[in-house]
Amino acid sequence: CTGNCVLETLFDSGKVETDRMRCRYEGQPLKTGERITWNVTLWEGDREETSSDAFFEMGLLGKEDYRAKWICGVGTNKRDRLPPDVYRKTFSLKGEVKKARLYATACGVYKAELNGKRLPGVLAPGTTEYSHHLSYQVYDVTELLTRENTLDITVGDGWYKGKLGWLEQTCRFGKQLKLWAQLDITYTDGSAGHIVTDGSWRWCNDGPIRYADLMDGEVYDARMVPGFSQNAKETTHHILPTASPGEGICEHETFKPRLIVTPGGAKVLDFGQNLAGYIRFTPRGSAGQVVTLKMFECMDGGEPSDMTLRKNPEKPADNQKIVYTCSGKEERFQPEFFYAGFRYALVEGMEAIDPEAFEAVAVYSPLEFTGDFRCSNEKINSFVRNTLW
């Protein structure tokens, strides 16, 4: 809470003598969106220690709390690989905001921006068995709201419709991308407001991302601006989203490259180690200039090798790449709906390459390490480290 608050005790278990690290909550039923502060005291012999306060927040508990409708693009229910759907909602606030939470998910993967600020997370809502389970993410956007607001959400194919597995099967879970989102606002006077996906949202798929696939890569034309020429279409989905059971995918380590010019004249960025993630960079070029980054894992005779990407040895692979068309302005870029396994990147379409303009970003779900292994054989130690990567 902010300001002077009086915290109500909802439950106090008292001292429970047990050999199990568990205590069942037996207080009053909790409410949607309620923030609960808690701590625990442990006794062992004459020792007593109380933890610092922690908190959790309740999600959407009842069907009446799900106010949003599923929406989709117009004429996009097809197996064709289409550009991502881009949705926009503009709205005004009715007063001073005490708390605001955005709940969002998609059949596909999405990114959300509020007033131009990219909300955290990568490839949300992640991968799941979409026909049986779909999780939503929650964002605290209290500090991002202003009097007049613009909420933009882009939905790409991801695991839902994009290529999957060795056979590169598409539309594994469906061919219609969908979005569900609601912004619940609590004002300081106690009133509430709700911005929900419905047919009033504007839609288009003429934004700068022209193609996006988890495996193949991303095609981006920085000269293009979303037109939002039509209203979104309301649709349905048979799964009621539930709160995500764990933390989502996010950015972690970053790696700066060194530039290699191969005997054949190829310009290659070496990021020093293999990783799963993407490349963030600042393209520098004239309007219409095309820059291509092809990511790969190993060199072959001093030249780029695509052997790790080939399914047919007689046919070179042509995926794991970013194709960027410059607008003439200097802009920071990173793919939103694609990640790769790579150490190297072949750069084409740029005469002068500044390695400082590039960085590789490792992306994965947060991992809690509960143990480690080391031995006298450094090769085995290296094998353990590589396995973690």
Protein backbone atom coordinates (compact mmCIF):
# COMPACT_ATOMS: atom_id res chain seq x y z
CA CYS A 1 0.00 0.00 0.00
CA THR A 2 1.03 3.66 -0.21
CA GLY A 3 0.77 6.22 2.54
CA ASN A 4 -0.44 5.34 6.03
CA CYS A 5 -2.03 1.90 6.03
CA VAL A 6 -3.36 -0.44 8.66
CA LEU A 7 -2.79 -4.07 7.73
CA GLU A 8 -5.51 -6.50 8.75
CA THR A 9 -4.42 -9.89 10.01
CA LEU A 10 -6.24 -12.45 7.88
CA PHE A 11 -4.72 -15.55 9.42
CA ASP A 12 -2.31 -16.49 12.20
CA SER A 13 -1.55 -20.17 12.48
CA GLY A 14 0.12 -19.85 15.86
CA LYS A 15 2.92 -22.23 16.70
CA VAL A 16 2.45 -25.54 14.89
CA GLU A 17 4.68 -28.41 15.96
CA THR A 18 5.37 -30.54 12.87
CA ASP A 19 8.17 -32.17 10.91
CA ARG A 20 6.62 -30.97 7.64
CA MET A 21 7.40 -27.55 6.18
CA ARG A 22 3.76 -26.83 5.46
CA CYS A 23 0.90 -24.93 7.06
CA ARG A 24 -2.62 -24.77 5.62
CA TYR A 25 -4.31 -21.38 5.28
CA GLU A 26 -7.58 -21.34 7.24
CA GLY A 27 -8.52 -17.67 7.08
CA GLN A 28 -11.28 -15.83 5.25
CA PRO A 29 -11.65 -16.42 1.47
CA LEU A 30 -9.35 -14.17 -0.53
CA LYS A 31 -10.51 -11.80 -3.27
CA THR A 32 -9.53 -11.17 -6.88
CA GLY A 33 -6.56 -8.81 -7.11
CA GLU A 34 -6.00 -8.80 -3.35
CA ARG A 35 -2.38 -8.38 -2.22
CA ILE A 36 -1.38 -10.56 0.71
CA THR A 37 1.69 -9.85 2.85
CA TRP A 38 3.00 -12.82 4.82
CA ASN A 39 5.87 -14.11 6.89
CA VAL A 40 6.78 -17.28 8.75
CA THR A 41 8.42 -17.94 12.12
CA LEU A 42 10.51 -21.07 12.69
CA TRP A 43 11.44 -22.59 16.01
CA GLU A 44 14.22 -25.12 16.49
CA GLY A 45 15.25 -25.83 20.07
CA ASP A 46 15.88 -22.46 21.72
CA ARG A 47 16.21 -20.67 18.36
CA GLU A 48 13.44 -18.53 16.92
CA GLU A 49 13.63 -16.66 13.62
CA THR A 50 11.01 -14.71 11.66
CA SER A 51 11.37 -14.12 7.95
CA SER A 52 11.13 -10.75 6.26
CA ASP A 53 7.73 -9.84 4.88
CA ALA A 54 6.94 -11.14 1.39
CA PHE A 55 3.78 -10.77 -0.70
CA PHE A 56 1.71 -12.37 -3.39
CA GLU A 57 -1.29 -11.09 -5.32
CA MET A 58 -4.45 -12.99 -6.15
CA GLY A 59 -5.38 -13.42 -9.80
CA LEU A 60 -8.83 -13.64 -11.39
CA LEU A 61 -10.82 -16.02 -9.17
CA GLY A 62 -14.34 -16.11 -10.59
CA LYS A 63 -15.86 -16.17 -14.07
CA GLU A 64 -17.44 -12.79 -13.34
CA ASP A 65 -13.91 -11.35 -13.12
CA TYR A 66 -13.23 -12.25 -16.77
CA ARG A 67 -14.69 -9.20 -18.51
CA ALA A 68 -12.67 -9.25 -21.73
CA LYS A 69 -13.72 -10.92 -24.97
CA TRP A 70 -11.48 -12.82 -27.34
CA ILE A 71 -10.65 -10.85 -30.49
CA CYS A 72 -8.91 -11.68 -33.77
CA GLY A 73 -7.99 -10.14 -37.09
CA VAL A 74 -10.26 -9.73 -40.09
CA GLY A 75 -9.95 -12.44 -42.77
CA THR A 76 -6.98 -14.11 -41.03
CA ASN A 77 -8.48 -17.51 -40.23
CA LYS A 78 -6.30 -19.37 -42.74
CA ARG A 79 -3.25 -21.61 -42.87
CA ASP A 80 -1.24 -18.96 -44.74
CA ARG A 81 1.66 -17.44 -42.81
CA LEU A 82 0.50 -13.85 -42.36
CA PRO A 83 2.18 -10.84 -40.72
CA PRO A 84 1.44 -10.46 -36.98
CA ASP A 85 -1.83 -8.90 -35.86
CA VAL A 86 -1.48 -5.44 -34.31
CA TYR A 87 -4.23 -4.16 -31.97
CA ARG A 88 -4.68 -0.69 -30.45
CA LYS A 89 -6.96 0.79 -27.81
CA THR A 90 -6.94 4.46 -26.76
CA PHE A 91 -8.61 5.49 -23.53
CA SER A 92 -8.80 8.23 -20.90
CA LEU A 93 -8.57 7.98 -17.13
CA LYS A 94 -11.42 9.14 -14.90
CA GLY A 95 -9.31 10.18 -11.94
CA GLU A 96 -6.20 9.49 -9.90
CA VAL A 97 -5.09 5.86 -10.11
CA LYS A 98 -4.31 3.79 -7.03
CA LYS A 99 -3.59 0.48 -8.77
CA ALA A 100 -3.68 -0.85 -12.32
CA ARG A 101 -3.11 -4.41 -13.55
CA LEU A 102 -3.04 -5.64 -17.12
CA TYR A 103 -4.02 -9.31 -17.60
CA ALA A 104 -3.18 -10.65 -21.05
CA THR A 105 -2.74 -13.84 -23.05
CA ALA A 106 -2.99 -15.01 -26.65
CA CYS A 107 -3.39 -17.95 -28.96
CA GLY A 108 0.04 -17.20 -30.37
CA VAL A 109 2.71 -15.09 -28.72
CA TYR A 110 2.33 -11.40 -27.94
CA LYS A 111 4.12 -8.25 -26.94
CA ALA A 112 2.38 -5.35 -25.19
CA GLU A 113 3.23 -1.65 -25.11
CA LEU A 114 1.53 1.00 -22.97
CA ASN A 115 2.16 4.59 -24.03
CA GLY A 116 5.18 3.45 -26.00
CA LYS A 117 6.73 1.54 -23.09
CA ARG A 118 7.42 -2.14 -23.83
CA LEU A 119 6.10 -4.35 -21.02
CA PRO A 120 8.54 -6.99 -19.72
CA GLY A 121 8.69 -10.60 -20.84
CA VAL A 122 9.67 -12.53 -23.97
CA LEU A 123 7.47 -14.73 -26.16
CA ALA A 124 4.52 -14.56 -23.75
CA PRO A 125 2.50 -16.58 -22.84
CA GLY A 126 5.12 -19.23 -23.66
CA THR A 127 4.44 -22.71 -24.93
CA THR A 128 1.70 -24.95 -23.57
CA GLU A 129 -0.80 -27.58 -24.68
CA TYR A 130 -3.10 -24.86 -26.02
CA SER A 131 -6.06 -27.18 -26.52
CA HIS A 132 -6.18 -27.86 -22.76
CA HIS A 133 -4.46 -25.00 -20.96
CA LEU A 134 -3.68 -21.33 -21.52
CA SER A 135 -2.11 -19.02 -18.95
CA TYR A 136 -2.32 -15.24 -18.63
CA GLN A 137 0.38 -12.84 -17.46
CA VAL A 138 -0.13 -9.93 -15.07
CA TYR A 139 1.61 -6.56 -15.40
CA ASP A 140 1.70 -3.75 -12.84
CA VAL A 141 1.16 -0.70 -15.08
CA THR A 142 0.19 1.81 -12.40
CA GLU A 143 3.13 4.12 -13.05
CA LEU A 144 2.76 3.98 -16.84
CA LEU A 145 -0.74 5.43 -17.02
CA THR A 146 -1.37 9.07 -17.93
CA ARG A 147 -4.50 11.08 -18.55
CA GLU A 148 -4.68 9.89 -22.18
CA ASN A 149 -3.38 6.41 -22.99
CA THR A 150 -2.60 4.09 -25.88
CA LEU A 151 -2.34 0.33 -25.41
CA ASP A 152 -0.78 -1.61 -28.31
CA ILE A 153 -0.58 -5.42 -28.41
CA THR A 154 0.98 -7.40 -31.27
CA VAL A 155 0.30 -11.14 -31.71
CA GLY A 156 2.58 -13.44 -33.73
CA ASP A 157 2.34 -17.10 -34.72
CA GLY A 158 4.69 -18.50 -32.07
CA TRP A 159 4.24 -22.13 -31.06
CA TYR A 160 0.50 -21.91 -31.76
CA LYS A 161 0.60 -21.49 -35.54
CA GLY A 162 4.29 -21.33 -36.48
CA LYS A 163 6.73 -24.08 -37.44
CA LEU A 164 7.30 -26.78 -34.82
CA GLY A 165 9.70 -29.69 -34.57
CA TRP A 166 12.00 -31.43 -37.03
CA LEU A 167 9.22 -31.71 -39.61
CA GLU A 168 8.43 -27.97 -39.32
CA GLN A 169 4.72 -28.63 -38.93
CA THR A 170 2.57 -25.48 -38.93
CA CYS A 171 -0.85 -24.71 -37.42
CA ARG A 172 -0.29 -27.43 -34.81
CA PHE A 173 -2.87 -25.90 -32.45
CA GLY A 174 -4.88 -23.69 -34.79
CA LYS A 175 -4.78 -21.26 -37.70
CA GLN A 176 -6.56 -18.28 -36.11
CA LEU A 177 -4.47 -16.09 -33.81
CA LYS A 178 -6.45 -14.57 -30.94
CA LEU A 179 -5.94 -12.03 -28.16
CA TRP A 180 -7.50 -11.70 -24.71
CA ALA A 181 -6.62 -8.78 -22.42
CA GLN A 182 -8.13 -6.64 -19.71
CA LEU A 183 -6.78 -3.67 -17.79
CA ASP A 184 -8.33 -3.39 -14.33
CA ILE A 185 -7.95 0.07 -12.79
CA THR A 186 -8.64 1.01 -9.16
CA TYR A 187 -9.00 4.74 -8.52
CA THR A 188 -8.12 6.48 -5.26
CA ASP A 189 -11.80 7.27 -4.65
CA GLY A 190 -12.56 3.54 -4.56
CA SER A 191 -14.18 3.32 -8.01
CA ALA A 192 -12.99 0.91 -10.69
CA GLY A 193 -12.50 0.99 -14.44
CA HIS A 194 -11.97 -1.79 -16.96
CA ILE A 195 -10.40 -1.61 -20.42
CA VAL A 196 -11.13 -4.94 -22.13
CA THR A 197 -10.57 -6.48 -25.54
CA ASP A 198 -13.72 -6.30 -27.67
CA GLY A 199 -14.86 -5.20 -31.10
CA SER A 200 -13.99 -1.55 -30.38
CA TRP A 201 -10.24 -2.24 -30.61
CA ARG A 202 -8.54 -1.21 -33.84
CA TRP A 203 -6.68 -3.85 -35.84
CA CYS A 204 -4.28 -4.20 -38.76
CA ASN A 205 -1.46 -6.44 -39.98
CA ASP A 206 0.41 -3.87 -42.07
CA GLY A 207 2.98 -3.06 -39.37
CA PRO A 208 6.76 -3.27 -39.78
CA ILE A 209 6.96 -7.00 -38.93
CA ARG A 210 6.22 -8.64 -42.27
CA TYR A 211 6.99 -12.24 -41.28
CA ALA A 212 7.85 -13.90 -37.98
CA ASP A 213 8.55 -17.53 -37.13
CA LEU A 214 10.17 -19.03 -34.04
CA MET A 215 12.46 -21.17 -36.20
CA ASP A 216 12.89 -19.24 -39.45
CA GLY A 217 13.37 -15.71 -38.18
CA GLU A 218 11.86 -12.28 -38.65
CA VAL A 219 11.43 -9.95 -41.62
CA TYR A 220 11.14 -6.30 -40.56
CA ASP A 221 10.57 -3.20 -42.66
CA ALA A 222 11.24 -0.11 -40.52
CA ARG A 223 9.60 2.13 -43.14
CA MET A 224 6.15 0.72 -42.46
CA VAL A 225 3.73 2.09 -39.86
CA PRO A 226 0.57 0.26 -38.64
CA GLY A 227 -2.56 1.75 -40.19
CA PHE A 228 -5.20 0.35 -37.78
CA SER A 229 -7.68 0.54 -40.64
CA GLN A 230 -10.35 -1.79 -39.22
CA ASN A 231 -11.97 -2.84 -35.99
CA ALA A 232 -10.99 -6.19 -34.51
CA LYS A 233 -13.39 -9.08 -34.77
CA GLU A 234 -14.87 -10.62 -31.63
CA THR A 235 -14.44 -14.38 -31.40
CA THR A 236 -14.49 -17.17 -28.82
CA HIS A 237 -12.09 -19.69 -27.32
CA HIS A 238 -13.04 -22.78 -25.33
CA ILE A 239 -10.27 -22.39 -22.74
CA LEU A 240 -10.64 -20.06 -19.75
CA PRO A 241 -7.16 -18.58 -19.13
CA THR A 242 -5.65 -19.14 -15.70
CA ALA A 243 -2.78 -17.50 -13.88
CA SER A 244 0.65 -18.55 -15.10
CA PRO A 245 2.04 -21.30 -12.83
CA GLY A 246 5.58 -19.90 -13.02
CA GLU A 247 7.70 -17.04 -14.19
CA GLY A 248 7.78 -16.49 -17.93
CA ILE A 249 10.64 -16.27 -20.39
CA CYS A 250 12.88 -13.24 -19.94
CA GLU A 251 16.22 -11.78 -20.97
CA HIS A 252 19.40 -12.73 -19.12
CA GLU A 253 23.08 -12.54 -20.12
CA THR A 254 24.25 -10.35 -22.99
CA PHE A 255 27.36 -10.96 -25.11
CA LYS A 256 29.38 -8.55 -27.22
CA PRO A 257 30.91 -9.94 -30.44
CA ARG A 258 34.20 -9.65 -32.23
CA LEU A 259 34.23 -9.20 -36.00
CA ILE A 260 35.76 -11.91 -38.18
CA VAL A 261 36.45 -11.49 -41.89
CA THR A 262 36.78 -15.00 -43.34
CA PRO A 263 39.22 -15.99 -46.12
CA GLY A 264 36.26 -15.84 -48.50
CA GLY A 265 35.42 -12.29 -47.45
CA ALA A 266 32.36 -13.08 -45.32
CA LYS A 267 31.74 -10.76 -42.35
CA VAL A 268 30.93 -12.79 -39.26
CA LEU A 269 30.15 -11.75 -35.69
CA ASP A 270 31.49 -14.18 -33.06
CA PHE A 271 29.69 -13.88 -29.71
CA GLY A 272 32.12 -16.25 -27.97
CA GLN A 273 29.80 -19.11 -27.04
CA ASN A 274 26.65 -20.90 -28.08
CA LEU A 275 23.38 -19.62 -26.65
CA ALA A 276 19.62 -19.58 -27.20
CA GLY A 277 18.29 -16.10 -27.80
CA TYR A 278 18.44 -13.31 -30.34
CA ILE A 279 20.56 -10.38 -31.51
CA ARG A 280 19.80 -6.79 -30.57
CA PHE A 281 21.44 -4.25 -32.84
CA THR A 282 21.35 -0.74 -34.28
CA PRO A 283 21.10 -0.90 -38.09
CA ARG A 284 22.80 1.99 -39.87
CA GLY A 285 21.78 2.42 -43.48
CA SER A 286 19.86 4.50 -45.98
CA ALA A 287 16.10 4.15 -46.47
CA GLY A 288 15.39 0.88 -48.27
CA GLN A 289 18.78 -0.67 -47.53
CA VAL A 290 18.42 -4.34 -46.53
CA VAL A 291 20.56 -5.82 -43.75
CA THR A 292 20.50 -9.60 -43.19
CA LEU A 293 21.80 -11.50 -40.15
CA LYS A 294 22.04 -15.29 -40.52
CA MET A 295 22.69 -17.07 -37.22
CA PHE A 296 24.60 -20.35 -37.05
CA GLU A 297 26.51 -22.49 -34.56
CA CYS A 298 29.88 -23.43 -36.05
CA MET A 299 32.53 -22.57 -38.64
CA ASP A 300 33.69 -25.01 -41.32
CA GLY A 301 37.18 -24.48 -42.69
CA GLY A 302 37.10 -20.85 -41.60
CA GLU A 303 33.77 -20.17 -43.34
CA PRO A 304 30.18 -20.10 -42.02
CA SER A 305 28.60 -23.55 -41.78
CA ASP A 306 24.88 -24.28 -41.87
CA MET A 307 25.25 -28.00 -41.23
CA THR A 308 23.44 -27.68 -37.88
CA LEU A 309 20.40 -26.33 -39.72
CA ARG A 310 20.22 -28.77 -42.65
CA LYS A 311 17.60 -31.46 -42.95
CA ASN A 312 18.71 -32.39 -46.46
CA PRO A 313 22.54 -32.33 -46.81
CA GLU A 314 22.13 -31.50 -50.51
CA LYS A 315 20.04 -28.41 -49.77
CA PRO A 316 21.55 -25.52 -47.77
CA ALA A 317 19.39 -24.23 -44.92
CA ASP A 318 18.03 -20.70 -45.12
CA ASN A 319 16.43 -20.10 -41.74
CA GLN A 320 17.45 -18.54 -38.41
CA LYS A 321 17.81 -15.11 -39.94
CA ILE A 322 16.75 -11.50 -39.51
CA VAL A 323 16.00 -9.45 -42.63
CA TYR A 324 15.84 -5.75 -41.76
CA THR A 325 14.93 -2.96 -44.18
CA CYS A 326 16.24 0.39 -42.96
CA SER A 327 14.10 3.52 -42.69
CA GLY A 328 17.04 5.91 -42.91
CA LYS A 329 16.81 6.63 -39.17
CA GLU A 330 19.00 5.05 -36.52
CA GLU A 331 16.82 2.72 -34.45
CA ARG A 332 17.48 -0.01 -31.90
CA PHE A 333 15.99 -3.33 -33.05
CA GLN A 334 15.41 -6.77 -31.62
CA PRO A 335 13.15 -9.57 -32.91
CA GLU A 336 9.95 -10.07 -30.95
CA PHE A 337 8.71 -13.45 -32.20
CA PHE A 338 11.89 -15.39 -33.00
CA TYR A 339 14.84 -16.88 -31.16
CA ALA A 340 17.74 -19.03 -32.34
CA GLY A 341 20.49 -21.34 -31.18
CA PHE A 342 23.74 -19.74 -32.34
CA ARG A 343 27.24 -18.49 -31.63
CA TYR A 344 27.91 -16.71 -34.91
CA ALA A 345 26.03 -14.34 -37.21
CA LEU A 346 26.81 -13.75 -40.87
CA VAL A 347 26.16 -10.07 -41.68
CA GLU A 348 25.16 -9.11 -45.21
CA GLY A 349 24.17 -5.75 -46.64
CA MET A 350 26.46 -3.59 -44.49
CA GLU A 351 29.80 -2.30 -45.72
CA ALA A 352 31.15 -1.01 -42.41
CA ILE A 353 30.30 -3.11 -39.36
CA ASP A 354 30.78 -1.81 -35.82
CA PRO A 355 30.70 -4.78 -33.40
CA GLU A 356 29.66 -2.40 -30.60
CA ALA A 357 26.33 -1.91 -32.38
CA PHE A 358 25.44 -5.59 -31.79
CA GLU A 359 24.80 -7.77 -28.76
CA ALA A 360 23.46 -11.27 -28.28
CA VAL A 361 20.80 -11.73 -25.61
CA ALA A 362 20.24 -15.09 -23.89
CA VAL A 363 16.55 -15.73 -23.19
CA TYR A 364 15.10 -18.44 -20.96
CA SER A 365 12.80 -18.96 -18.00
CA PRO A 366 14.37 -18.02 -14.63
CA LEU A 367 16.21 -21.02 -13.20
CA GLU A 368 16.89 -21.59 -9.52
CA PHE A 369 20.13 -23.53 -9.12
CA THR A 370 19.91 -25.85 -6.13
CA GLY A 371 23.19 -27.66 -6.64
CA ASP A 372 26.45 -27.74 -8.53
CA PHE A 373 29.00 -30.28 -9.74
CA ARG A 374 32.77 -30.06 -10.12
CA CYS A 375 35.45 -32.69 -10.45
CA SER A 376 39.15 -32.96 -11.29
CA ASN A 377 38.45 -33.50 -15.00
CA GLU A 378 37.98 -30.10 -16.67
CA LYS A 379 36.39 -31.69 -19.75
CA ILE A 380 33.60 -33.11 -17.58
CA ASN A 381 33.21 -29.72 -15.87
CA SER A 382 32.91 -28.11 -19.30
CA PHE A 383 30.34 -30.72 -20.30
CA VAL A 384 28.24 -29.80 -17.23
CA ARG A 385 28.44 -26.08 -18.06
CA ASN A 386 27.51 -26.72 -21.69
CA THR A 387 24.55 -28.84 -20.59
CA LEU A 388 23.24 -25.92 -18.54
CA TRP A 389 23.49 -23.66 -21.57
